[in-house]
Amino acid sequence: MKMKAISQDALGGPEVLKMVEVDRPEPGPTEILVRVEAAGLNPTDWKTRASGGLLSSPPPFVLGYDVSGVVEASGIGQALYKPGDEVFGMLRYPDGHGAFAEYVTAPSRHFVRKPADLDHVQAAAIPLAALTAYQALVDVAGLKGGQRVLIHAAAGGVGHLAVQIAKARGAYVIGTASAAKHDFLRGLGVDELIDYRNEDFSEIVRDVDVVLDTICGDYGPRSLRTMRRGGTIVSLALSLFDRSVHQVAAELGLRSETMLVEPDQAGMRAIAALAEAGRLRVEVAAALPLADAAKAHELGETNRTTGKIVLTVPH
């Protein structure tokens, strides 16, 4: 049986993305086959499209990690879901990609039930970005109520969800973002805002317990100046091979970690619970049909969107 998917035969710009027909996957033991209703885009998608990123195999491949859809079938031993159940989750990063397609398979425990109040577009925008924020702030940094957290690119896909997760834990949140996005972030509860285009956060912010560095580059070294002794900075994968921040942090009595997001059912359940309670909402910048994947990549690469971009999958 065949299905439609967005694939690429070479690395390059958005123009390498093509709609193709490929074999529909079959669920293996403990896996589910999900009919994809919507798939979220993340910066890793357009970066991987262009350079291969952290993938171990060259093209052709189908990208996409965020999925919201309906269970179609199960592999042997899968006992959590039945056909017709609505689920959302994240495929294994980086080699478990494949969400930009009509169907996808993955271990059942990479998914949780979709909250009824979320449509598939909203749900598809959540998993990778929210899990990144949750794992960084909660699992790695152990963020507690009353602590001060600095979130860079606070209006971005990861950032605006990190803001809400931090506020739900009772933290004081400081965010960097362009001035045009400050009203949006105030609406999410950010306590203090820095316009990175006109202000140097490292000269203004002090006594931070936790930093979430979604930008990397010189943001890591500069962020160390804002932190109190014993604090934790968590940097995302762009700094995976840069050890200088870790060395300087250790000299200053700070903890520095670099992380990649992982599928995480417990984390997804916590995120779903926040969404159901009205304490986590995702901002969808645009929802485009699967056939317009190249346009969605072009939009994402402007780095000017607030929140997430989603592809919808017609059936």
C-alpha atoms as a PDB file:
ATOM      1  CA  MET A   1       0.000   0.000   0.000  1.00  0.00           C
ATOM      2  CA  LYS A   2       1.278   3.452  -0.951  1.00  0.00           C
ATOM      3  CA  MET A   3       1.071   6.853   0.753  1.00  0.00           C
ATOM      4  CA  LYS A   4       2.058  10.427  -0.022  1.00  0.00           C
ATOM      5  CA  ALA A   5       5.030  12.000   1.707  1.00  0.00           C
ATOM      6  CA  ILE A   6       7.394  14.963   1.395  1.00  0.00           C
ATOM      7  CA  SER A   7      10.842  13.666   0.537  1.00  0.00           C
ATOM      8  CA  GLN A   8      14.143  14.954  -0.806  1.00  0.00           C
ATOM      9  CA  ASP A   9      16.816  13.314  -2.933  1.00  0.00           C
ATOM     10  CA  ALA A  10      19.535  15.840  -2.112  1.00  0.00           C
ATOM     11  CA  LEU A  11      20.493  18.367   0.548  1.00  0.00           C
ATOM     12  CA  GLY A  12      19.720  21.978  -0.273  1.00  0.00           C
ATOM     13  CA  GLY A  13      17.123  24.725  -0.205  1.00  0.00           C
ATOM     14  CA  PRO A  14      13.364  24.311   0.127  1.00  0.00           C
ATOM     15  CA  GLU A  15      13.145  23.507  -3.585  1.00  0.00           C
ATOM     16  CA  VAL A  16      14.565  20.008  -2.930  1.00  0.00           C
ATOM     17  CA  LEU A  17      11.344  19.036  -1.146  1.00  0.00           C
ATOM     18  CA  LYS A  18       8.993  17.014  -3.363  1.00  0.00           C
ATOM     19  CA  MET A  19       5.684  15.207  -2.926  1.00  0.00           C
ATOM     20  CA  VAL A  20       6.264  11.520  -3.624  1.00  0.00           C
ATOM     21  CA  GLU A  21       4.534   8.178  -3.209  1.00  0.00           C
ATOM     22  CA  VAL A  22       6.255   5.697  -0.913  1.00  0.00           C
ATOM     23  CA  ASP A  23       5.307   2.450   0.783  1.00  0.00           C
ATOM     24  CA  ARG A  24       3.069   2.884   3.791  1.00  0.00           C
ATOM     25  CA  PRO A  25       4.940   1.621   6.879  1.00  0.00           C
ATOM     26  CA  GLU A  26       3.756  -1.347   8.903  1.00  0.00           C
ATOM     27  CA  PRO A  27       3.837  -1.229  12.710  1.00  0.00           C
ATOM     28  CA  GLY A  28       6.353  -3.520  14.367  1.00  0.00           C
ATOM     29  CA  PRO A  29       6.072  -5.053  17.830  1.00  0.00           C
ATOM     30  CA  THR A  30       4.714  -2.509  20.391  1.00  0.00           C
ATOM     31  CA  GLU A  31       4.372   0.113  17.645  1.00  0.00           C
ATOM     32  CA  ILE A  32       1.329   1.941  16.345  1.00  0.00           C
ATOM     33  CA  LEU A  33       0.498   3.107  12.831  1.00  0.00           C
ATOM     34  CA  VAL A  34      -0.787   6.682  13.033  1.00  0.00           C
ATOM     35  CA  ARG A  35      -2.805   8.411  10.320  1.00  0.00           C
ATOM     36  CA  VAL A  36      -1.150  11.817  10.401  1.00  0.00           C
ATOM     37  CA  GLU A  37      -3.618  14.708  10.572  1.00  0.00           C
ATOM     38  CA  ALA A  38      -0.999  17.403  11.205  1.00  0.00           C
ATOM     39  CA  ALA A  39       2.776  17.594  11.591  1.00  0.00           C
ATOM     40  CA  GLY A  40       4.712  20.382  13.268  1.00  0.00           C
ATOM     41  CA  LEU A  41       7.822  22.035  11.844  1.00  0.00           C
ATOM     42  CA  ASN A  42      10.898  22.777  13.922  1.00  0.00           C
ATOM     43  CA  PRO A  43      14.190  24.525  13.096  1.00  0.00           C
ATOM     44  CA  THR A  44      15.890  21.138  13.021  1.00  0.00           C
ATOM     45  CA  ASP A  45      13.759  20.254   9.988  1.00  0.00           C
ATOM     46  CA  TRP A  46      15.009  23.033   7.734  1.00  0.00           C
ATOM     47  CA  LYS A  47      18.550  22.757   9.056  1.00  0.00           C
ATOM     48  CA  THR A  48      18.584  19.010   8.392  1.00  0.00           C
ATOM     49  CA  ARG A  49      17.062  19.522   4.949  1.00  0.00           C
ATOM     50  CA  ALA A  50      19.941  21.858   4.096  1.00  0.00           C
ATOM     51  CA  SER A  51      22.914  20.110   5.717  1.00  0.00           C
ATOM     52  CA  GLY A  52      21.881  16.658   6.915  1.00  0.00           C
ATOM     53  CA  GLY A  53      22.206  17.790  10.529  1.00  0.00           C
ATOM     54  CA  LEU A  54      22.750  14.921  12.944  1.00  0.00           C
ATOM     55  CA  LEU A  55      21.246  12.279  10.663  1.00  0.00           C
ATOM     56  CA  SER A  56      23.351   9.185  10.182  1.00  0.00           C
ATOM     57  CA  SER A  57      22.057   8.492   6.647  1.00  0.00           C
ATOM     58  CA  PRO A  58      22.085  10.644   3.495  1.00  0.00           C
ATOM     59  CA  PRO A  59      18.960  11.445   1.401  1.00  0.00           C
ATOM     60  CA  PRO A  60      16.448  10.368   0.339  1.00  0.00           C
ATOM     61  CA  PHE A  61      14.509  10.810   3.573  1.00  0.00           C
ATOM     62  CA  VAL A  62      11.211  12.104   4.910  1.00  0.00           C
ATOM     63  CA  LEU A  63      11.638  14.670   7.683  1.00  0.00           C
ATOM     64  CA  GLY A  64       9.322  15.679  10.530  1.00  0.00           C
ATOM     65  CA  TYR A  65       9.173  14.746  14.218  1.00  0.00           C
ATOM     66  CA  ASP A  66       5.917  16.240  15.541  1.00  0.00           C
ATOM     67  CA  VAL A  67       2.769  14.203  14.969  1.00  0.00           C
ATOM     68  CA  SER A  68      -0.911  14.526  15.799  1.00  0.00           C
ATOM     69  CA  GLY A  69      -3.232  11.951  14.337  1.00  0.00           C
ATOM     70  CA  VAL A  70      -5.421   8.901  14.705  1.00  0.00           C
ATOM     71  CA  VAL A  71      -4.335   5.354  15.508  1.00  0.00           C
ATOM     72  CA  GLU A  72      -4.906   3.186  12.437  1.00  0.00           C
ATOM     73  CA  ALA A  73      -3.380  -0.139  13.476  1.00  0.00           C
ATOM     74  CA  SER A  74      -1.111  -1.774  16.057  1.00  0.00           C
ATOM     75  CA  GLY A  75       1.844  -4.095  16.063  1.00  0.00           C
ATOM     76  CA  ILE A  76       1.928  -7.195  18.216  1.00  0.00           C
ATOM     77  CA  GLY A  77       2.079  -6.496  21.947  1.00  0.00           C
ATOM     78  CA  GLN A  78       0.782  -2.915  21.786  1.00  0.00           C
ATOM     79  CA  ALA A  79      -1.895  -2.533  24.448  1.00  0.00           C
ATOM     80  CA  LEU A  80      -2.248   1.206  25.123  1.00  0.00           C
ATOM     81  CA  TYR A  81      -4.312   2.366  22.148  1.00  0.00           C
ATOM     82  CA  LYS A  82      -7.085   1.165  19.880  1.00  0.00           C
ATOM     83  CA  PRO A  83      -7.860   2.126  16.276  1.00  0.00           C
ATOM     84  CA  GLY A  84      -9.612   5.484  16.268  1.00  0.00           C
ATOM     85  CA  ASP A  85      -7.797   6.873  19.314  1.00  0.00           C
ATOM     86  CA  GLU A  86      -6.479  10.407  18.804  1.00  0.00           C
ATOM     87  CA  VAL A  87      -2.844  10.738  19.865  1.00  0.00           C
ATOM     88  CA  PHE A  88       0.053  13.153  19.624  1.00  0.00           C
ATOM     89  CA  GLY A  89       3.752  12.812  20.256  1.00  0.00           C
ATOM     90  CA  MET A  90       7.295  13.070  19.000  1.00  0.00           C
ATOM     91  CA  LEU A  91       9.265  10.645  16.849  1.00  0.00           C
ATOM     92  CA  ARG A  92      12.737   9.674  18.045  1.00  0.00           C
ATOM     93  CA  TYR A  93      15.319  12.416  17.436  1.00  0.00           C
ATOM     94  CA  PRO A  94      17.301  12.576  15.230  1.00  0.00           C
ATOM     95  CA  ASP A  95      16.882   9.307  13.275  1.00  0.00           C
ATOM     96  CA  GLY A  96      13.182   8.600  13.864  1.00  0.00           C
ATOM     97  CA  HIS A  97      11.921  11.267  11.458  1.00  0.00           C
ATOM     98  CA  GLY A  98       9.072  10.718   9.005  1.00  0.00           C
ATOM     99  CA  ALA A  99       6.104  12.861  10.120  1.00  0.00           C
ATOM    100  CA  PHE A 100       5.723  14.738   6.812  1.00  0.00           C
ATOM    101  CA  ALA A 101       3.628  11.921   5.411  1.00  0.00           C
ATOM    102  CA  GLU A 102       0.127  10.499   5.469  1.00  0.00           C
ATOM    103  CA  TYR A 103       1.098   7.738   7.915  1.00  0.00           C
ATOM    104  CA  VAL A 104       3.899   7.074  10.364  1.00  0.00           C
ATOM    105  CA  THR A 105       4.878   4.292  12.752  1.00  0.00           C
ATOM    106  CA  ALA A 106       6.592   4.619  16.117  1.00  0.00           C
ATOM    107  CA  PRO A 107       6.643   2.948  19.533  1.00  0.00           C
ATOM    108  CA  SER A 108       3.306   3.425  21.259  1.00  0.00           C
ATOM    109  CA  ARG A 109       4.972   5.041  24.262  1.00  0.00           C
ATOM    110  CA  HIS A 110       6.189   7.924  22.136  1.00  0.00           C
ATOM    111  CA  PHE A 111       2.576   9.115  22.120  1.00  0.00           C
ATOM    112  CA  VAL A 112      -0.108  10.188  24.569  1.00  0.00           C
ATOM    113  CA  ARG A 113      -3.811  10.817  24.062  1.00  0.00           C
ATOM    114  CA  LYS A 114      -4.592  14.151  22.491  1.00  0.00           C
ATOM    115  CA  PRO A 115      -6.538  16.478  24.804  1.00  0.00           C
ATOM    116  CA  ALA A 116     -10.070  16.897  23.463  1.00  0.00           C
ATOM    117  CA  ASP A 117      -9.816  20.692  23.627  1.00  0.00           C
ATOM    118  CA  LEU A 118      -6.852  20.738  21.234  1.00  0.00           C
ATOM    119  CA  ASP A 119      -7.369  20.333  17.510  1.00  0.00           C
ATOM    120  CA  HIS A 120      -4.781  18.412  15.515  1.00  0.00           C
ATOM    121  CA  VAL A 121      -3.021  21.583  14.323  1.00  0.00           C
ATOM    122  CA  GLN A 122      -2.512  22.814  17.875  1.00  0.00           C
ATOM    123  CA  ALA A 123      -1.480  19.373  19.099  1.00  0.00           C
ATOM    124  CA  ALA A 124       1.038  18.882  16.285  1.00  0.00           C
ATOM    125  CA  ALA A 125       2.739  22.153  17.200  1.00  0.00           C
ATOM    126  CA  ILE A 126       3.506  21.036  20.741  1.00  0.00           C
ATOM    127  CA  PRO A 127       5.596  17.857  21.200  1.00  0.00           C
ATOM    128  CA  LEU A 128       9.229  18.503  20.213  1.00  0.00           C
ATOM    129  CA  ALA A 129       9.296  22.138  21.339  1.00  0.00           C
ATOM    130  CA  ALA A 130       7.436  21.517  24.589  1.00  0.00           C
ATOM    131  CA  LEU A 131       9.451  18.404  25.415  1.00  0.00           C
ATOM    132  CA  THR A 132      12.666  20.327  24.760  1.00  0.00           C
ATOM    133  CA  ALA A 133      11.552  23.027  27.185  1.00  0.00           C
ATOM    134  CA  TYR A 134      10.224  20.579  29.775  1.00  0.00           C
ATOM    135  CA  GLN A 135      13.270  18.317  29.726  1.00  0.00           C
ATOM    136  CA  ALA A 136      15.651  21.288  29.892  1.00  0.00           C
ATOM    137  CA  LEU A 137      13.881  23.178  32.676  1.00  0.00           C
ATOM    138  CA  VAL A 138      12.395  20.366  34.741  1.00  0.00           C
ATOM    139  CA  ASP A 139      14.487  17.243  34.180  1.00  0.00           C
ATOM    140  CA  VAL A 140      17.923  18.796  33.652  1.00  0.00           C
ATOM    141  CA  ALA A 141      17.822  22.085  35.571  1.00  0.00           C
ATOM    142  CA  GLY A 142      15.293  21.032  38.224  1.00  0.00           C
ATOM    143  CA  LEU A 143      13.583  24.435  38.097  1.00  0.00           C
ATOM    144  CA  LYS A 144      11.706  25.240  41.319  1.00  0.00           C
ATOM    145  CA  GLY A 145       9.177  27.817  42.393  1.00  0.00           C
ATOM    146  CA  GLY A 146      10.699  31.178  43.260  1.00  0.00           C
ATOM    147  CA  GLN A 147      13.789  30.687  41.100  1.00  0.00           C
ATOM    148  CA  ARG A 148      14.791  33.138  38.393  1.00  0.00           C
ATOM    149  CA  VAL A 149      15.013  31.767  34.851  1.00  0.00           C
ATOM    150  CA  LEU A 150      16.361  33.497  31.754  1.00  0.00           C
ATOM    151  CA  ILE A 151      14.858  32.214  28.488  1.00  0.00           C
ATOM    152  CA  HIS A 152      16.442  33.299  25.214  1.00  0.00           C
ATOM    153  CA  ALA A 153      14.295  33.711  22.083  1.00  0.00           C
ATOM    154  CA  ALA A 154      11.327  33.617  24.434  1.00  0.00           C
ATOM    155  CA  ALA A 155       8.772  34.108  21.634  1.00  0.00           C
ATOM    156  CA  GLY A 156      10.117  31.233  19.535  1.00  0.00           C
ATOM    157  CA  GLY A 157       8.745  27.722  19.261  1.00  0.00           C
ATOM    158  CA  VAL A 158      10.634  26.359  22.262  1.00  0.00           C
ATOM    159  CA  GLY A 159      10.812  29.694  24.054  1.00  0.00           C
ATOM    160  CA  HIS A 160       7.119  30.541  24.352  1.00  0.00           C
ATOM    161  CA  LEU A 161       6.345  27.058  25.668  1.00  0.00           C
ATOM    162  CA  ALA A 162       9.305  27.230  28.059  1.00  0.00           C
ATOM    163  CA  VAL A 163       7.911  30.489  29.432  1.00  0.00           C
ATOM    164  CA  GLN A 164       4.615  28.797  30.269  1.00  0.00           C
ATOM    165  CA  ILE A 165       6.227  25.708  31.779  1.00  0.00           C
ATOM    166  CA  ALA A 166       8.425  27.920  33.958  1.00  0.00           C
ATOM    167  CA  LYS A 167       5.457  30.031  35.091  1.00  0.00           C
ATOM    168  CA  ALA A 168       3.475  26.878  35.883  1.00  0.00           C
ATOM    169  CA  ARG A 169       6.324  25.905  38.235  1.00  0.00           C
ATOM    170  CA  GLY A 170       6.230  29.273  39.972  1.00  0.00           C
ATOM    171  CA  ALA A 171       9.430  30.725  38.530  1.00  0.00           C
ATOM    172  CA  TYR A 172      10.257  34.372  37.862  1.00  0.00           C
ATOM    173  CA  VAL A 173      10.749  34.546  34.082  1.00  0.00           C
ATOM    174  CA  ILE A 174      13.060  36.881  32.178  1.00  0.00           C
ATOM    175  CA  GLY A 175      12.879  36.682  28.383  1.00  0.00           C
ATOM    176  CA  THR A 176      14.885  38.046  25.481  1.00  0.00           C
ATOM    177  CA  ALA A 177      12.929  38.948  22.343  1.00  0.00           C
ATOM    178  CA  SER A 178      12.469  41.789  19.887  1.00  0.00           C
ATOM    179  CA  ALA A 179      10.297  44.637  21.158  1.00  0.00           C
ATOM    180  CA  ALA A 180       7.520  43.747  18.702  1.00  0.00           C
ATOM    181  CA  LYS A 181       6.968  40.484  20.580  1.00  0.00           C
ATOM    182  CA  HIS A 182       6.927  41.885  24.107  1.00  0.00           C
ATOM    183  CA  ASP A 183       3.153  42.269  24.331  1.00  0.00           C
ATOM    184  CA  PHE A 184       2.693  38.639  23.279  1.00  0.00           C
ATOM    185  CA  LEU A 185       5.136  37.525  25.967  1.00  0.00           C
ATOM    186  CA  ARG A 186       3.558  39.676  28.656  1.00  0.00           C
ATOM    187  CA  GLY A 187       0.341  37.861  27.854  1.00  0.00           C
ATOM    188  CA  LEU A 188       2.106  34.590  28.667  1.00  0.00           C
ATOM    189  CA  GLY A 189       3.251  35.929  32.018  1.00  0.00           C
ATOM    190  CA  VAL A 190       6.871  36.950  31.398  1.00  0.00           C
ATOM    191  CA  ASP A 191       7.979  39.070  34.347  1.00  0.00           C
ATOM    192  CA  GLU A 192      10.863  40.945  32.733  1.00  0.00           C
ATOM    193  CA  LEU A 193      11.642  41.509  29.054  1.00  0.00           C
ATOM    194  CA  ILE A 194      14.887  42.409  27.299  1.00  0.00           C
ATOM    195  CA  ASP A 195      14.903  43.813  23.754  1.00  0.00           C
ATOM    196  CA  TYR A 196      17.972  42.021  22.446  1.00  0.00           C
ATOM    197  CA  ARG A 197      18.279  44.409  19.514  1.00  0.00           C
ATOM    198  CA  ASN A 198      18.768  47.466  21.713  1.00  0.00           C
ATOM    199  CA  GLU A 199      19.842  46.071  25.082  1.00  0.00           C
ATOM    200  CA  ASP A 200      22.648  43.778  26.225  1.00  0.00           C
ATOM    201  CA  PHE A 201      21.008  41.286  28.567  1.00  0.00           C
ATOM    202  CA  SER A 202      24.381  40.419  30.096  1.00  0.00           C
ATOM    203  CA  GLU A 203      24.705  43.978  31.385  1.00  0.00           C
ATOM    204  CA  ILE A 204      21.186  44.111  32.814  1.00  0.00           C
ATOM    205  CA  VAL A 205      20.196  40.718  34.199  1.00  0.00           C
ATOM    206  CA  ARG A 206      21.636  39.317  37.431  1.00  0.00           C
ATOM    207  CA  ASP A 207      21.124  36.522  39.983  1.00  0.00           C
ATOM    208  CA  VAL A 208      19.652  34.008  37.531  1.00  0.00           C
ATOM    209  CA  ASP A 209      19.280  30.417  38.723  1.00  0.00           C
ATOM    210  CA  VAL A 210      18.552  28.793  35.349  1.00  0.00           C
ATOM    211  CA  VAL A 211      19.296  29.820  31.760  1.00  0.00           C
ATOM    212  CA  LEU A 212      17.677  28.159  28.741  1.00  0.00           C
ATOM    213  CA  ASP A 213      19.902  28.991  25.787  1.00  0.00           C
ATOM    214  CA  THR A 214      18.031  28.226  22.574  1.00  0.00           C
ATOM    215  CA  ILE A 215      20.323  30.390  20.422  1.00  0.00           C
ATOM    216  CA  CYS A 216      23.895  29.374  21.364  1.00  0.00           C
ATOM    217  CA  GLY A 217      26.770  31.201  19.666  1.00  0.00           C
ATOM    218  CA  ASP A 218      27.934  33.907  22.068  1.00  0.00           C
ATOM    219  CA  TYR A 219      24.712  33.733  24.092  1.00  0.00           C
ATOM    220  CA  GLY A 220      26.136  31.000  26.294  1.00  0.00           C
ATOM    221  CA  PRO A 221      29.291  32.838  27.430  1.00  0.00           C
ATOM    222  CA  ARG A 222      27.342  36.079  27.874  1.00  0.00           C
ATOM    223  CA  SER A 223      24.645  34.308  29.882  1.00  0.00           C
ATOM    224  CA  LEU A 224      27.192  33.091  32.420  1.00  0.00           C
ATOM    225  CA  ARG A 225      27.608  36.693  33.576  1.00  0.00           C
ATOM    226  CA  THR A 226      23.951  36.838  34.593  1.00  0.00           C
ATOM    227  CA  MET A 227      24.009  33.775  36.841  1.00  0.00           C
ATOM    228  CA  ARG A 228      24.387  33.257  40.557  1.00  0.00           C
ATOM    229  CA  ARG A 229      26.834  30.639  41.819  1.00  0.00           C
ATOM    230  CA  GLY A 230      25.350  27.148  41.717  1.00  0.00           C
ATOM    231  CA  GLY A 231      23.053  28.005  38.806  1.00  0.00           C
ATOM    232  CA  THR A 232      22.476  25.854  35.713  1.00  0.00           C
ATOM    233  CA  ILE A 233      22.647  26.780  32.033  1.00  0.00           C
ATOM    234  CA  VAL A 234      21.099  24.366  29.539  1.00  0.00           C
ATOM    235  CA  SER A 235      22.118  24.829  25.911  1.00  0.00           C
ATOM    236  CA  LEU A 236      20.501  23.117  22.954  1.00  0.00           C
ATOM    237  CA  ALA A 237      22.254  21.091  20.303  1.00  0.00           C
ATOM    238  CA  LEU A 238      23.791  23.955  18.319  1.00  0.00           C
ATOM    239  CA  SER A 239      26.533  24.100  20.956  1.00  0.00           C
ATOM    240  CA  LEU A 240      26.966  20.330  21.101  1.00  0.00           C
ATOM    241  CA  PHE A 241      30.585  20.494  20.023  1.00  0.00           C
ATOM    242  CA  ASP A 242      31.547  23.729  21.807  1.00  0.00           C
ATOM    243  CA  ARG A 243      33.068  22.896  25.184  1.00  0.00           C
ATOM    244  CA  SER A 244      34.177  26.450  26.055  1.00  0.00           C
ATOM    245  CA  VAL A 245      30.944  27.335  27.867  1.00  0.00           C
ATOM    246  CA  HIS A 246      31.223  24.203  30.014  1.00  0.00           C
ATOM    247  CA  GLN A 247      34.804  25.003  30.973  1.00  0.00           C
ATOM    248  CA  VAL A 248      34.101  28.605  31.916  1.00  0.00           C
ATOM    249  CA  ALA A 249      30.940  27.628  33.789  1.00  0.00           C
ATOM    250  CA  ALA A 250      32.860  25.123  35.898  1.00  0.00           C
ATOM    251  CA  GLU A 251      35.424  27.780  36.802  1.00  0.00           C
ATOM    252  CA  LEU A 252      32.596  30.069  37.960  1.00  0.00           C
ATOM    253  CA  GLY A 253      30.900  27.416  40.076  1.00  0.00           C
ATOM    254  CA  LEU A 254      28.075  26.963  37.565  1.00  0.00           C
ATOM    255  CA  ARG A 255      26.626  23.854  35.985  1.00  0.00           C
ATOM    256  CA  SER A 256      26.495  23.724  32.177  1.00  0.00           C
ATOM    257  CA  GLU A 257      24.644  21.051  30.199  1.00  0.00           C
ATOM    258  CA  THR A 258      23.960  20.506  26.506  1.00  0.00           C
ATOM    259  CA  MET A 259      20.968  18.366  25.588  1.00  0.00           C
ATOM    260  CA  LEU A 260      19.063  16.798  22.738  1.00  0.00           C
ATOM    261  CA  VAL A 261      15.345  16.202  23.137  1.00  0.00           C
ATOM    262  CA  GLU A 262      14.093  12.630  23.553  1.00  0.00           C
ATOM    263  CA  PRO A 263      10.667  10.991  23.186  1.00  0.00           C
ATOM    264  CA  ASP A 264       9.254  10.941  26.695  1.00  0.00           C
ATOM    265  CA  GLN A 265       5.793   9.698  27.602  1.00  0.00           C
ATOM    266  CA  ALA A 266       5.947  10.985  31.175  1.00  0.00           C
ATOM    267  CA  GLY A 267       6.953  14.427  29.901  1.00  0.00           C
ATOM    268  CA  MET A 268       4.222  14.366  27.263  1.00  0.00           C
ATOM    269  CA  ARG A 269       1.633  13.459  29.896  1.00  0.00           C
ATOM    270  CA  ALA A 270       2.755  16.396  32.039  1.00  0.00           C
ATOM    271  CA  ILE A 271       2.573  18.688  29.006  1.00  0.00           C
ATOM    272  CA  ALA A 272      -0.864  17.377  28.038  1.00  0.00           C
ATOM    273  CA  ALA A 273      -2.057  17.965  31.616  1.00  0.00           C
ATOM    274  CA  LEU A 274      -0.859  21.585  31.480  1.00  0.00           C
ATOM    275  CA  ALA A 275      -2.677  22.068  28.170  1.00  0.00           C
ATOM    276  CA  GLU A 276      -5.872  20.523  29.543  1.00  0.00           C
ATOM    277  CA  ALA A 277      -5.687  22.805  32.574  1.00  0.00           C
ATOM    278  CA  GLY A 278      -5.312  25.873  30.352  1.00  0.00           C
ATOM    279  CA  ARG A 279      -1.791  26.538  31.571  1.00  0.00           C
ATOM    280  CA  LEU A 280      -0.049  25.789  28.262  1.00  0.00           C
ATOM    281  CA  ARG A 281      -1.144  27.060  24.881  1.00  0.00           C
ATOM    282  CA  VAL A 282       0.781  26.938  21.671  1.00  0.00           C
ATOM    283  CA  GLU A 283       0.975  29.851  19.257  1.00  0.00           C
ATOM    284  CA  VAL A 284       0.546  28.646  15.666  1.00  0.00           C
ATOM    285  CA  ALA A 285       2.142  31.112  13.269  1.00  0.00           C
ATOM    286  CA  ALA A 286       0.840  29.347  10.157  1.00  0.00           C
ATOM    287  CA  ALA A 287      -0.847  26.114   9.083  1.00  0.00           C
ATOM    288  CA  LEU A 288      -0.158  25.044   5.500  1.00  0.00           C
ATOM    289  CA  PRO A 289      -1.122  21.898   3.575  1.00  0.00           C
ATOM    290  CA  LEU A 290       1.466  19.143   3.223  1.00  0.00           C
ATOM    291  CA  ALA A 291       1.908  19.977  -0.454  1.00  0.00           C
ATOM    292  CA  ASP A 292       3.210  23.418   0.575  1.00  0.00           C
ATOM    293  CA  ALA A 293       6.065  22.036   2.678  1.00  0.00           C
ATOM    294  CA  ALA A 294       8.633  24.090   0.739  1.00  0.00           C
ATOM    295  CA  LYS A 295       6.697  27.300   1.501  1.00  0.00           C
ATOM    296  CA  ALA A 296       6.529  26.300   5.167  1.00  0.00           C
ATOM    297  CA  HIS A 297      10.312  25.803   5.235  1.00  0.00           C
ATOM    298  CA  GLU A 298      10.845  29.202   3.588  1.00  0.00           C
ATOM    299  CA  LEU A 299       8.642  30.831   6.214  1.00  0.00           C
ATOM    300  CA  GLY A 300      10.479  29.092   9.041  1.00  0.00           C
ATOM    301  CA  GLU A 301      13.868  30.124   7.747  1.00  0.00           C
ATOM    302  CA  THR A 302      12.977  33.808   8.024  1.00  0.00           C
ATOM    303  CA  ASN A 303      13.328  33.380  11.820  1.00  0.00           C
ATOM    304  CA  ARG A 304      10.603  35.997  12.195  1.00  0.00           C
ATOM    305  CA  THR A 305       7.656  33.816  13.144  1.00  0.00           C
ATOM    306  CA  THR A 306       6.122  33.797  16.596  1.00  0.00           C
ATOM    307  CA  GLY A 307       5.423  30.260  17.748  1.00  0.00           C
ATOM    308  CA  LYS A 308       5.157  27.244  15.431  1.00  0.00           C
ATOM    309  CA  ILE A 309       4.440  26.342  11.792  1.00  0.00           C
ATOM    310  CA  VAL A 310       2.293  23.281  11.079  1.00  0.00           C
ATOM    311  CA  LEU A 311       1.583  21.148   8.002  1.00  0.00           C
ATOM    312  CA  THR A 312      -1.909  19.713   7.650  1.00  0.00           C
ATOM    313  CA  VAL A 313      -2.334  16.339   5.970  1.00  0.00           C
ATOM    314  CA  PRO A 314      -5.480  15.750   3.887  1.00  0.00           C
ATOM    315  CA  HIS A 315      -6.811  12.223   3.466  1.00  0.00           C
END
